[in-house]
Amino acid sequence: MSKKQKTIQNEVSLSGVGLHTGNEVKMTFKPAPENHGFAFRRVDLTGSPTIEAKAEYVVNTQRGTNLEKNGVLIQTSEHVLAAAVGLDIDNLMIEINASEPPIMDGSSKFFVKALEKAGIKTLDADIEEYIVKEIISHKDEITGSEIILMPSDEYQVTTMVDFGTKILGTQNATLDRISDFKEEIADARTFSFLHEIEMLLENDLIKGGDLNNAIVYVDKELSDTTMQKLKKAFKKEDIKVKSNGILDNLNLHWANEAARHKLLDVIGDLALTGTRIRGKIIANKPGHLVNTQFAKKLAKVIKLEKRNNIPQIDLNVPPLMDIHQIMDILPHRPPFLFVDRIIELSDKHVIGMKNVTMNEGFFTGHFPGAPVMPGVLQVEAMAQCGGILVLSTVPDPENYLTYFMKIDKVKFKQKVLPGDTLIFKAELITPIRRGICHMQAYGYANNRLVVEAELMAQISKRPES
């Protein structure tokens, strides 16, 4: 049984300071429709531009995962996205009046609480899940950081952390079920080393930092000069180093809190693939750079596999529609009818086929001695298949004609030759409204993708005779 997508029931807001700017930030989670995914909207800028949470927009990972689209920036997106994924949410609009979300306590805890307060709503659309069938990996040869994704019955993550310091040592953390995120991972706070804090203070880059939103591991001697800077930055009269090697006024939630926070970051960064994952992640020395590099690689793999997801057709099974039933719906007639059978049909997709023979009239001139099916007719055939989809929504399809409105992103991958069997698949990009059908269409032959395009068509009443 397929699972359904989710969003939140009501909008909810929370406020806090940005870690790097120190400015007060208001962020509002809003419900989003099916197939929307995650997106940020900068309401402080003219036109309230939107940045989709996609790996392709990652521009910088030095102090968090930063996204940029058309010059508009979103900083440190990972904690917010991890909270959404951890609560099994698929669609969310995140409005924010600054470039970075509030740091809160340095974890996903408060974002999880806000989303739970808003309530979870189930949508009609099925979840699009990437099921891992073979191992996918990426390694940063400079740092030695590596991420491996392997098959598993559900989304699982293991992180292994080793910074080469005695004070932190080697830590591991594992999340066996995403449903355990709230209890086992969400409260894990971000951390830093003293030498990093000194650099950030020198460059005035953690104006919103205090000892309540970051674990600071003291990996070097704490000089009087550094002590005074920390007192001023964190607005404290006295600062000490605890016996476990972290600055005082903060108790660890878990001994391996650093590894758990790295796991949180992995989940947030991999949300940028835009697709749920059914597989096990093993991340060795993860960081935002290797996380987002892997997210980009995985997003490309998912896109390619989706594009090459060839429908498996048993030609011995009677079709849903034969040529006579097709002509009862489509207005096209030979020699300009390019669909022979309809195999599947729902309110959101259609699968059809065409047998390409040497008897096709276009082979006479395209080309003499080297017959190749014209690309424009391949697109027309896909469109006719999509026409079945849109015309099936009216009770009297014989009284309608279909017209192209737009053809976009057309790509021809392989030649279509006499003897080939073309399999077409068209899926709605948006719901059909007012007779307008916007769809993504693919054509396959010999178990290979041969053509793809975004198509938009409209049906209108046939003119009176």
Protein backbone atom coordinates (compact mmCIF):
# COMPACT_ATOMS: atom_id res chain seq x y z
CA MET A 1 0.00 0.00 0.00
CA SER A 2 1.47 3.33 -1.06
CA LYS A 3 2.18 6.04 1.50
CA LYS A 4 0.76 9.53 1.12
CA GLN A 5 2.61 12.84 1.18
CA LYS A 6 2.32 15.11 4.20
CA THR A 7 2.43 18.79 5.05
CA ILE A 8 1.38 20.76 8.14
CA GLN A 9 -2.18 21.59 9.12
CA ASN A 10 -1.68 25.23 10.14
CA GLU A 11 1.02 27.85 9.87
CA VAL A 12 3.24 28.41 12.89
CA SER A 13 5.96 30.96 13.67
CA LEU A 14 8.99 31.12 15.93
CA SER A 15 11.66 33.74 16.56
CA GLY A 16 15.27 33.83 17.64
CA VAL A 17 18.65 35.22 16.67
CA GLY A 18 20.77 34.29 13.68
CA LEU A 19 24.03 32.63 14.71
CA HIS A 20 26.25 34.64 12.39
CA THR A 21 24.37 37.95 12.15
CA GLY A 22 23.05 38.19 15.71
CA ASN A 23 19.86 39.76 14.33
CA GLU A 24 16.37 38.84 15.49
CA VAL A 25 14.77 36.50 12.96
CA LYS A 26 11.15 35.46 12.53
CA MET A 27 10.45 32.24 10.67
CA THR A 28 7.03 30.90 9.71
CA PHE A 29 6.25 27.36 8.60
CA LYS A 30 3.33 27.24 6.16
CA PRO A 31 1.43 24.33 4.61
CA ALA A 32 2.38 23.50 1.03
CA PRO A 33 0.52 21.50 -1.65
CA GLU A 34 1.43 18.02 -2.85
CA ASN A 35 4.64 17.66 -4.88
CA HIS A 36 5.79 21.09 -3.66
CA GLY A 37 8.73 19.88 -1.60
CA PHE A 38 10.64 22.21 0.75
CA ALA A 39 11.26 25.85 -0.10
CA PHE A 40 12.35 29.06 1.64
CA ARG A 41 10.72 32.44 0.98
CA ARG A 42 12.57 35.65 1.88
CA VAL A 43 9.70 37.92 2.97
CA ASP A 44 12.15 40.73 3.83
CA LEU A 45 13.06 41.21 0.16
CA THR A 46 11.10 42.83 -2.65
CA GLY A 47 8.83 40.33 -4.33
CA SER A 48 9.42 37.75 -1.56
CA PRO A 49 11.64 35.52 -3.73
CA THR A 50 11.56 31.77 -3.20
CA ILE A 51 14.52 29.40 -3.06
CA GLU A 52 13.70 25.71 -3.41
CA ALA A 53 15.63 23.42 -1.06
CA LYS A 54 17.63 21.72 -3.80
CA ALA A 55 21.24 20.61 -3.95
CA GLU A 56 21.81 22.55 -7.16
CA TYR A 57 21.51 25.83 -5.22
CA VAL A 58 24.26 25.04 -2.68
CA VAL A 59 26.95 27.73 -2.94
CA ASN A 60 28.90 27.54 0.30
CA THR A 61 29.36 25.05 3.14
CA GLN A 62 31.96 26.70 5.36
CA ARG A 63 29.72 27.34 8.38
CA GLY A 64 26.56 25.55 7.36
CA THR A 65 24.75 24.66 4.16
CA ASN A 66 24.04 27.88 2.29
CA LEU A 67 21.73 28.14 -0.71
CA GLU A 68 21.59 30.87 -3.33
CA LYS A 69 19.25 31.45 -6.26
CA ASN A 70 19.27 34.57 -8.42
CA GLY A 71 21.39 36.38 -5.85
CA VAL A 72 19.07 35.56 -2.93
CA LEU A 73 20.73 33.72 -0.03
CA ILE A 74 19.58 31.26 2.62
CA GLN A 75 22.18 30.32 5.25
CA THR A 76 22.39 27.28 7.56
CA SER A 77 19.35 25.50 6.14
CA GLU A 78 20.21 22.06 7.49
CA HIS A 79 18.65 22.11 10.99
CA VAL A 80 15.28 23.23 9.69
CA LEU A 81 15.22 20.67 6.87
CA ALA A 82 16.28 17.88 9.22
CA ALA A 83 13.30 18.66 11.47
CA ALA A 84 10.89 18.40 8.53
CA VAL A 85 12.35 15.10 7.31
CA GLY A 86 12.48 13.76 10.86
CA LEU A 87 8.73 14.34 11.23
CA ASP A 88 7.95 12.61 7.93
CA ILE A 89 6.89 15.87 6.23
CA ASP A 90 7.22 16.17 2.44
CA ASN A 91 5.93 19.65 1.59
CA LEU A 92 6.64 22.88 3.43
CA MET A 93 6.97 26.60 2.73
CA ILE A 94 9.39 28.28 5.12
CA GLU A 95 8.99 32.06 5.25
CA ILE A 96 11.84 33.98 6.82
CA ASN A 97 12.65 37.69 7.22
CA ALA A 98 16.43 37.28 7.08
CA SER A 99 19.05 35.21 5.33
CA GLU A 100 19.40 32.61 8.08
CA PRO A 101 16.97 30.76 10.34
CA PRO A 102 17.21 31.41 14.09
CA ILE A 103 19.89 29.27 15.69
CA MET A 104 17.70 28.51 18.76
CA ASP A 105 19.73 26.04 20.87
CA GLY A 106 21.82 24.80 17.92
CA SER A 107 19.68 21.72 17.28
CA SER A 108 16.40 20.87 15.52
CA LYS A 109 14.47 20.64 18.80
CA PHE A 110 12.49 23.88 18.57
CA PHE A 111 11.71 23.41 14.88
CA VAL A 112 10.31 19.96 15.65
CA LYS A 113 8.16 21.40 18.44
CA ALA A 114 6.81 24.14 16.16
CA LEU A 115 5.94 21.71 13.37
CA GLU A 116 4.22 19.37 15.80
CA LYS A 117 2.24 22.32 17.15
CA ALA A 118 1.11 23.11 13.60
CA GLY A 119 -0.19 19.56 13.18
CA ILE A 120 0.58 17.09 10.41
CA LYS A 121 -1.80 16.82 7.44
CA THR A 122 -1.95 13.94 4.97
CA LEU A 123 -2.35 14.82 1.28
CA ASP A 124 -3.82 12.82 -1.60
CA ALA A 125 -0.62 12.34 -3.59
CA ASP A 126 1.59 9.27 -3.17
CA ILE A 127 5.10 9.67 -1.82
CA GLU A 128 7.86 9.59 -4.40
CA GLU A 129 10.55 7.45 -2.81
CA TYR A 130 13.94 6.54 -4.19
CA ILE A 131 14.51 2.85 -3.46
CA VAL A 132 18.22 2.10 -3.40
CA LYS A 133 19.07 -0.98 -5.44
CA GLU A 134 22.86 -0.78 -5.54
CA ILE A 135 25.64 0.92 -3.60
CA ILE A 136 26.27 4.61 -4.36
CA SER A 137 29.26 6.33 -2.79
CA HIS A 138 31.25 9.54 -2.80
CA LYS A 139 34.64 10.25 -1.21
CA ASP A 140 36.49 13.50 -0.70
CA GLU A 141 40.08 12.46 -1.32
CA ILE A 142 41.46 15.55 0.44
CA THR A 143 39.64 15.13 3.76
CA GLY A 144 38.98 11.39 3.62
CA SER A 145 35.29 12.04 4.27
CA GLU A 146 33.09 9.42 2.64
CA ILE A 147 29.38 8.70 2.28
CA ILE A 148 28.02 5.33 1.21
CA LEU A 149 24.37 4.61 0.41
CA MET A 150 23.28 0.98 0.28
CA PRO A 151 19.99 -0.93 0.01
CA SER A 152 17.81 -1.16 3.11
CA ASP A 153 14.15 -1.65 3.95
CA GLU A 154 13.91 1.89 5.34
CA TYR A 155 15.84 5.15 5.70
CA GLN A 156 18.72 4.59 8.12
CA VAL A 157 21.78 6.69 8.90
CA THR A 158 25.06 5.93 10.67
CA THR A 159 27.72 8.58 11.25
CA MET A 160 31.32 8.04 12.34
CA VAL A 161 33.13 11.11 13.63
CA ASP A 162 36.89 11.46 14.12
CA PHE A 163 38.52 14.90 14.24
CA GLY A 164 41.87 13.59 15.36
CA THR A 165 41.57 15.28 18.78
CA LYS A 166 41.82 13.59 22.18
CA ILE A 167 39.15 15.79 23.69
CA LEU A 168 36.43 14.57 21.30
CA GLY A 169 37.86 11.23 20.27
CA THR A 170 36.01 8.89 17.92
CA GLN A 171 32.22 8.81 18.09
CA ASN A 172 29.49 6.89 16.30
CA ALA A 173 25.72 7.41 16.08
CA THR A 174 22.98 5.43 14.34
CA LEU A 175 19.34 6.15 13.50
CA ASP A 176 17.56 2.92 12.57
CA ARG A 177 14.14 4.49 11.93
CA ILE A 178 13.28 8.03 10.90
CA SER A 179 10.40 7.86 13.39
CA ASP A 180 13.04 7.88 16.17
CA PHE A 181 14.49 11.22 15.01
CA LYS A 182 12.60 13.31 17.55
CA GLU A 183 13.74 11.29 20.55
CA GLU A 184 17.25 10.31 19.50
CA ILE A 185 18.60 13.04 17.21
CA ALA A 186 16.57 16.29 17.23
CA ASP A 187 18.05 17.61 20.52
CA ALA A 188 21.68 17.14 19.42
CA ARG A 189 23.31 20.58 19.37
CA THR A 190 25.92 21.95 17.02
CA PHE A 191 29.50 21.98 18.26
CA SER A 192 32.78 23.68 17.55
CA PHE A 193 36.39 23.66 18.70
CA LEU A 194 38.01 26.49 20.60
CA HIS A 195 40.43 27.32 17.78
CA GLU A 196 37.45 27.71 15.41
CA ILE A 197 35.65 29.96 17.90
CA GLU A 198 38.73 32.19 18.13
CA MET A 199 38.80 32.58 14.34
CA LEU A 200 35.09 33.37 14.21
CA LEU A 201 35.40 35.95 16.99
CA GLU A 202 38.34 37.59 15.20
CA ASN A 203 36.19 37.95 12.08
CA ASP A 204 33.00 38.93 13.94
CA LEU A 205 31.13 35.95 12.47
CA ILE A 206 29.15 34.57 15.44
CA LYS A 207 27.25 37.59 16.69
CA GLY A 208 24.34 35.35 17.70
CA GLY A 209 26.41 32.75 19.53
CA ASP A 210 26.29 31.94 23.23
CA LEU A 211 27.03 28.95 25.41
CA ASN A 212 23.44 27.73 25.10
CA ASN A 213 23.47 27.06 21.36
CA ALA A 214 26.86 25.48 20.73
CA ILE A 215 29.02 22.89 22.44
CA VAL A 216 32.58 24.24 22.51
CA TYR A 217 35.32 21.62 22.81
CA VAL A 218 38.51 23.10 24.26
CA ASP A 219 41.24 21.61 22.08
CA LYS A 220 43.99 24.05 23.14
CA GLU A 221 45.08 26.03 26.16
CA LEU A 222 42.59 28.73 27.08
CA SER A 223 44.63 31.95 27.17
CA ASP A 224 43.65 35.04 29.16
CA THR A 225 43.11 36.96 25.91
CA THR A 226 40.79 34.30 24.53
CA MET A 227 39.02 34.10 27.89
CA GLN A 228 38.23 37.82 27.81
CA LYS A 229 36.95 37.61 24.24
CA LEU A 230 34.69 34.70 25.14
CA LYS A 231 33.32 36.51 28.18
CA LYS A 232 32.46 39.51 26.04
CA ALA A 233 31.01 37.47 23.15
CA PHE A 234 28.92 35.24 25.38
CA LYS A 235 28.04 37.99 27.90
CA LYS A 236 29.32 36.05 30.91
CA GLU A 237 31.33 37.15 33.93
CA ASP A 238 33.23 33.90 34.18
CA ILE A 239 33.99 31.00 31.85
CA LYS A 240 35.58 27.70 32.81
CA VAL A 241 36.48 24.41 31.22
CA LYS A 242 34.58 21.41 32.60
CA SER A 243 36.24 18.10 33.35
CA ASN A 244 34.94 16.61 30.08
CA GLY A 245 36.78 19.27 28.09
CA ILE A 246 33.88 21.54 27.09
CA LEU A 247 33.16 25.09 28.17
CA ASP A 248 30.93 25.35 31.21
CA ASN A 249 27.21 26.14 31.63
CA LEU A 250 26.24 23.32 29.30
CA ASN A 251 25.59 19.65 29.97
CA LEU A 252 25.79 17.13 27.17
CA HIS A 253 22.53 15.36 26.32
CA TRP A 254 24.48 12.28 25.23
CA ALA A 255 28.14 11.33 25.42
CA ASN A 256 28.10 11.05 21.61
CA GLU A 257 26.12 14.27 21.04
CA ALA A 258 28.65 15.44 18.44
CA ALA A 259 28.12 12.31 16.32
CA ARG A 260 24.35 12.65 16.70
CA HIS A 261 24.49 16.25 15.53
CA LYS A 262 26.54 15.20 12.51
CA LEU A 263 23.79 12.66 11.79
CA LEU A 264 21.24 15.47 12.05
CA ASP A 265 23.27 17.49 9.54
CA VAL A 266 23.41 14.53 7.13
CA ILE A 267 19.62 14.20 7.19
CA GLY A 268 19.16 17.94 6.64
CA ASP A 269 21.70 18.13 3.83
CA LEU A 270 20.39 15.05 2.01
CA ALA A 271 16.90 16.57 2.09
CA LEU A 272 18.27 18.71 -0.75
CA THR A 273 17.92 15.72 -3.09
CA GLY A 274 14.19 16.52 -3.05
CA THR A 275 13.21 12.85 -2.74
CA ARG A 276 12.65 10.47 0.13
CA ILE A 277 15.32 7.80 0.41
CA ARG A 278 14.81 4.12 1.23
CA GLY A 279 18.33 3.00 1.96
CA LYS A 280 21.08 3.07 4.58
CA ILE A 281 23.57 5.94 4.76
CA ILE A 282 27.00 5.31 6.27
CA ALA A 283 28.86 8.60 6.65
CA ASN A 284 32.52 8.55 7.70
CA LYS A 285 33.72 11.96 8.92
CA PRO A 286 30.72 13.76 7.39
CA GLY A 287 30.60 17.51 6.88
CA HIS A 288 28.46 19.91 4.91
CA LEU A 289 30.83 19.83 1.93
CA VAL A 290 30.84 16.07 1.42
CA ASN A 291 27.15 15.86 2.41
CA THR A 292 26.07 18.30 -0.27
CA GLN A 293 28.46 16.87 -2.86
CA PHE A 294 26.80 13.52 -2.28
CA ALA A 295 23.33 15.13 -2.37
CA LYS A 296 24.12 16.59 -5.80
CA LYS A 297 25.40 13.25 -7.05
CA LEU A 298 22.38 11.39 -5.67
CA ALA A 299 19.95 13.93 -7.15
CA LYS A 300 21.46 13.30 -10.59
CA VAL A 301 21.25 9.53 -10.11
CA ILE A 302 17.60 9.79 -9.07
CA LYS A 303 16.76 12.03 -12.01
CA LEU A 304 18.49 9.68 -14.46
CA GLU A 305 16.83 6.57 -13.05
CA LYS A 306 13.44 8.24 -13.06
CA ARG A 307 13.94 9.26 -16.66
CA ASN A 308 15.07 5.77 -17.56
CA ASN A 309 12.34 4.06 -15.56
CA ILE A 310 11.12 2.05 -18.53
CA PRO A 311 7.59 0.69 -18.14
CA GLN A 312 7.59 -3.11 -18.13
CA ILE A 313 4.97 -4.15 -20.70
CA ASP A 314 3.66 -7.66 -21.29
CA LEU A 315 2.52 -7.54 -24.92
CA ASN A 316 0.65 -10.83 -24.47
CA VAL A 317 -1.83 -9.19 -22.09
CA PRO A 318 -4.86 -7.57 -23.79
CA PRO A 319 -4.45 -3.77 -23.80
CA LEU A 320 -6.66 -1.40 -21.85
CA MET A 321 -7.59 0.21 -25.20
CA ASP A 322 -7.07 -1.13 -28.72
CA ILE A 323 -6.91 1.00 -31.86
CA HIS A 324 -10.70 1.13 -32.20
CA GLN A 325 -11.20 2.37 -28.66
CA ILE A 326 -8.40 4.88 -29.16
CA MET A 327 -10.16 6.29 -32.23
CA ASP A 328 -13.33 6.60 -30.15
CA ILE A 329 -11.44 9.11 -28.00
CA LEU A 330 -8.78 10.76 -30.15
CA PRO A 331 -9.82 12.93 -33.10
CA HIS A 332 -6.70 11.86 -35.07
CA ARG A 333 -6.98 9.46 -38.02
CA PRO A 334 -4.50 7.65 -40.28
CA PRO A 335 -2.00 8.58 -41.56
CA PHE A 336 -1.65 10.89 -38.55
CA LEU A 337 -2.56 8.52 -35.74
CA PHE A 338 0.56 7.38 -33.90
CA VAL A 339 -0.76 5.38 -30.94
CA ASP A 340 -1.72 1.71 -31.40
CA ARG A 341 -2.51 0.67 -27.81
CA ILE A 342 -3.11 2.10 -24.35
CA ILE A 343 -1.67 -0.15 -21.66
CA GLU A 344 -2.35 1.87 -18.49
CA LEU A 345 -4.51 4.89 -17.69
CA SER A 346 -5.16 6.70 -14.42
CA ASP A 347 -6.12 10.25 -13.51
CA LYS A 348 -2.41 11.16 -13.40
CA HIS A 349 -0.59 9.05 -15.99
CA VAL A 350 -0.93 7.07 -19.20
CA ILE A 351 1.20 4.40 -20.88
CA GLY A 352 0.77 3.63 -24.57
CA MET A 353 2.63 2.08 -27.46
CA LYS A 354 3.23 2.29 -31.18
CA ASN A 355 4.67 -0.31 -33.53
CA VAL A 356 6.96 1.37 -36.05
CA THR A 357 6.98 -0.41 -39.42
CA MET A 358 8.64 0.22 -42.76
CA ASN A 359 5.15 0.88 -44.17
CA GLU A 360 5.04 4.29 -42.44
CA GLY A 361 4.62 6.93 -45.13
CA PHE A 362 7.24 9.28 -43.67
CA PHE A 363 10.04 6.75 -44.28
CA THR A 364 9.72 7.38 -48.02
CA GLY A 365 11.40 10.75 -47.65
CA HIS A 366 13.00 10.53 -44.20
CA PHE A 367 15.46 9.33 -45.35
CA PRO A 368 15.78 7.35 -48.62
CA GLY A 369 18.07 4.43 -47.89
CA ALA A 370 18.34 5.30 -44.19
CA PRO A 371 14.83 5.33 -42.67
CA VAL A 372 14.60 7.22 -39.33
CA MET A 373 11.39 8.27 -37.60
CA PRO A 374 11.27 12.10 -37.52
CA GLY A 375 11.73 13.55 -34.06
CA VAL A 376 8.75 15.83 -34.48
CA LEU A 377 6.52 12.78 -35.02
CA GLN A 378 7.93 11.12 -31.92
CA VAL A 379 6.83 14.20 -29.96
CA GLU A 380 3.45 14.12 -31.71
CA ALA A 381 3.03 10.45 -30.75
CA MET A 382 3.78 11.23 -27.10
CA ALA A 383 1.32 14.11 -27.23
CA GLN A 384 -1.41 11.87 -28.66
CA CYS A 385 -0.79 9.44 -25.82
CA GLY A 386 -1.16 12.36 -23.41
CA GLY A 387 -4.30 13.37 -25.30
CA ILE A 388 -5.91 10.12 -24.16
CA LEU A 389 -5.15 11.21 -20.60
CA VAL A 390 -6.80 14.62 -20.87
CA LEU A 391 -9.73 13.49 -23.05
CA SER A 392 -10.55 10.71 -20.61
CA THR A 393 -11.62 13.42 -18.17
CA VAL A 394 -14.65 14.48 -20.26
CA PRO A 395 -17.79 12.37 -20.80
CA ASP A 396 -17.97 13.00 -24.57
CA PRO A 397 -14.38 13.02 -25.92
CA GLU A 398 -15.63 12.60 -29.50
CA ASN A 399 -16.83 16.21 -29.34
CA TYR A 400 -13.39 17.64 -28.50
CA LEU A 401 -10.12 18.41 -30.28
CA THR A 402 -6.69 18.69 -28.68
CA TYR A 403 -4.23 21.51 -29.42
CA PHE A 404 -0.60 21.98 -28.49
CA MET A 405 0.08 24.99 -26.26
CA LYS A 406 3.74 24.46 -25.46
CA ILE A 407 6.60 22.03 -26.06
CA ASP A 408 9.62 22.42 -23.79
CA LYS A 409 12.87 20.66 -22.84
CA VAL A 410 12.75 18.26 -25.80
CA LYS A 411 15.65 15.81 -26.02
CA PHE A 412 16.27 13.04 -28.52
CA LYS A 413 18.52 10.29 -27.18
CA GLN A 414 18.44 7.50 -29.78
CA LYS A 415 17.23 6.92 -33.34
CA VAL A 416 13.87 5.21 -33.86
CA LEU A 417 14.03 2.76 -36.75
CA PRO A 418 11.63 0.44 -38.62
CA GLY A 419 10.82 -2.57 -36.46
CA ASP A 420 11.03 -0.68 -33.15
CA THR A 421 8.23 -0.76 -30.61
CA LEU A 422 7.79 2.64 -28.97
CA ILE A 423 6.52 2.73 -25.39
CA PHE A 424 5.21 6.10 -24.20
CA LYS A 425 4.70 7.26 -20.64
CA ALA A 426 3.15 10.62 -19.77
CA GLU A 427 2.68 11.91 -16.22
CA LEU A 428 0.91 15.05 -15.05
CA ILE A 429 3.18 17.82 -13.77
CA THR A 430 0.18 19.77 -12.49
CA PRO A 431 -3.48 18.76 -12.13
CA ILE A 432 -5.68 19.16 -15.22
CA ARG A 433 -7.56 22.46 -15.03
CA ARG A 434 -9.95 23.95 -17.55
CA GLY A 435 -8.96 21.32 -20.08
CA ILE A 436 -5.26 22.19 -19.90
CA CYS A 437 -2.89 19.27 -19.47
CA HIS A 438 0.77 19.89 -18.47
CA MET A 439 2.77 16.68 -18.52
CA GLN A 440 6.21 15.14 -18.60
CA ALA A 441 6.43 12.58 -21.39
CA TYR A 442 8.98 9.90 -22.23
CA GLY A 443 9.41 7.54 -25.17
CA TYR A 444 11.35 4.26 -24.98
CA ALA A 445 12.49 1.68 -27.53
CA ASN A 446 14.67 -1.38 -27.09
CA ASN A 447 14.79 -0.74 -23.31
CA ARG A 448 16.35 2.67 -23.83
CA LEU A 449 15.08 6.21 -23.50
CA VAL A 450 14.78 7.69 -27.00
CA VAL A 451 12.86 10.94 -26.48
CA GLU A 452 11.57 13.14 -23.66
CA ALA A 453 9.71 16.44 -23.43
CA GLU A 454 7.48 18.63 -21.32
CA LEU A 455 4.17 19.05 -23.14
CA MET A 456 1.18 21.29 -22.60
CA ALA A 457 -2.05 20.83 -24.51
CA GLN A 458 -5.63 22.02 -24.26
CA ILE A 459 -8.86 20.43 -25.34
CA SER A 460 -11.68 22.51 -26.75
CA LYS A 461 -15.08 21.82 -28.19
CA ARG A 462 -15.11 20.65 -31.78
CA PRO A 463 -16.57 23.42 -33.99
CA GLU A 464 -20.08 22.89 -35.32
CA SER A 465 -20.23 21.39 -38.83
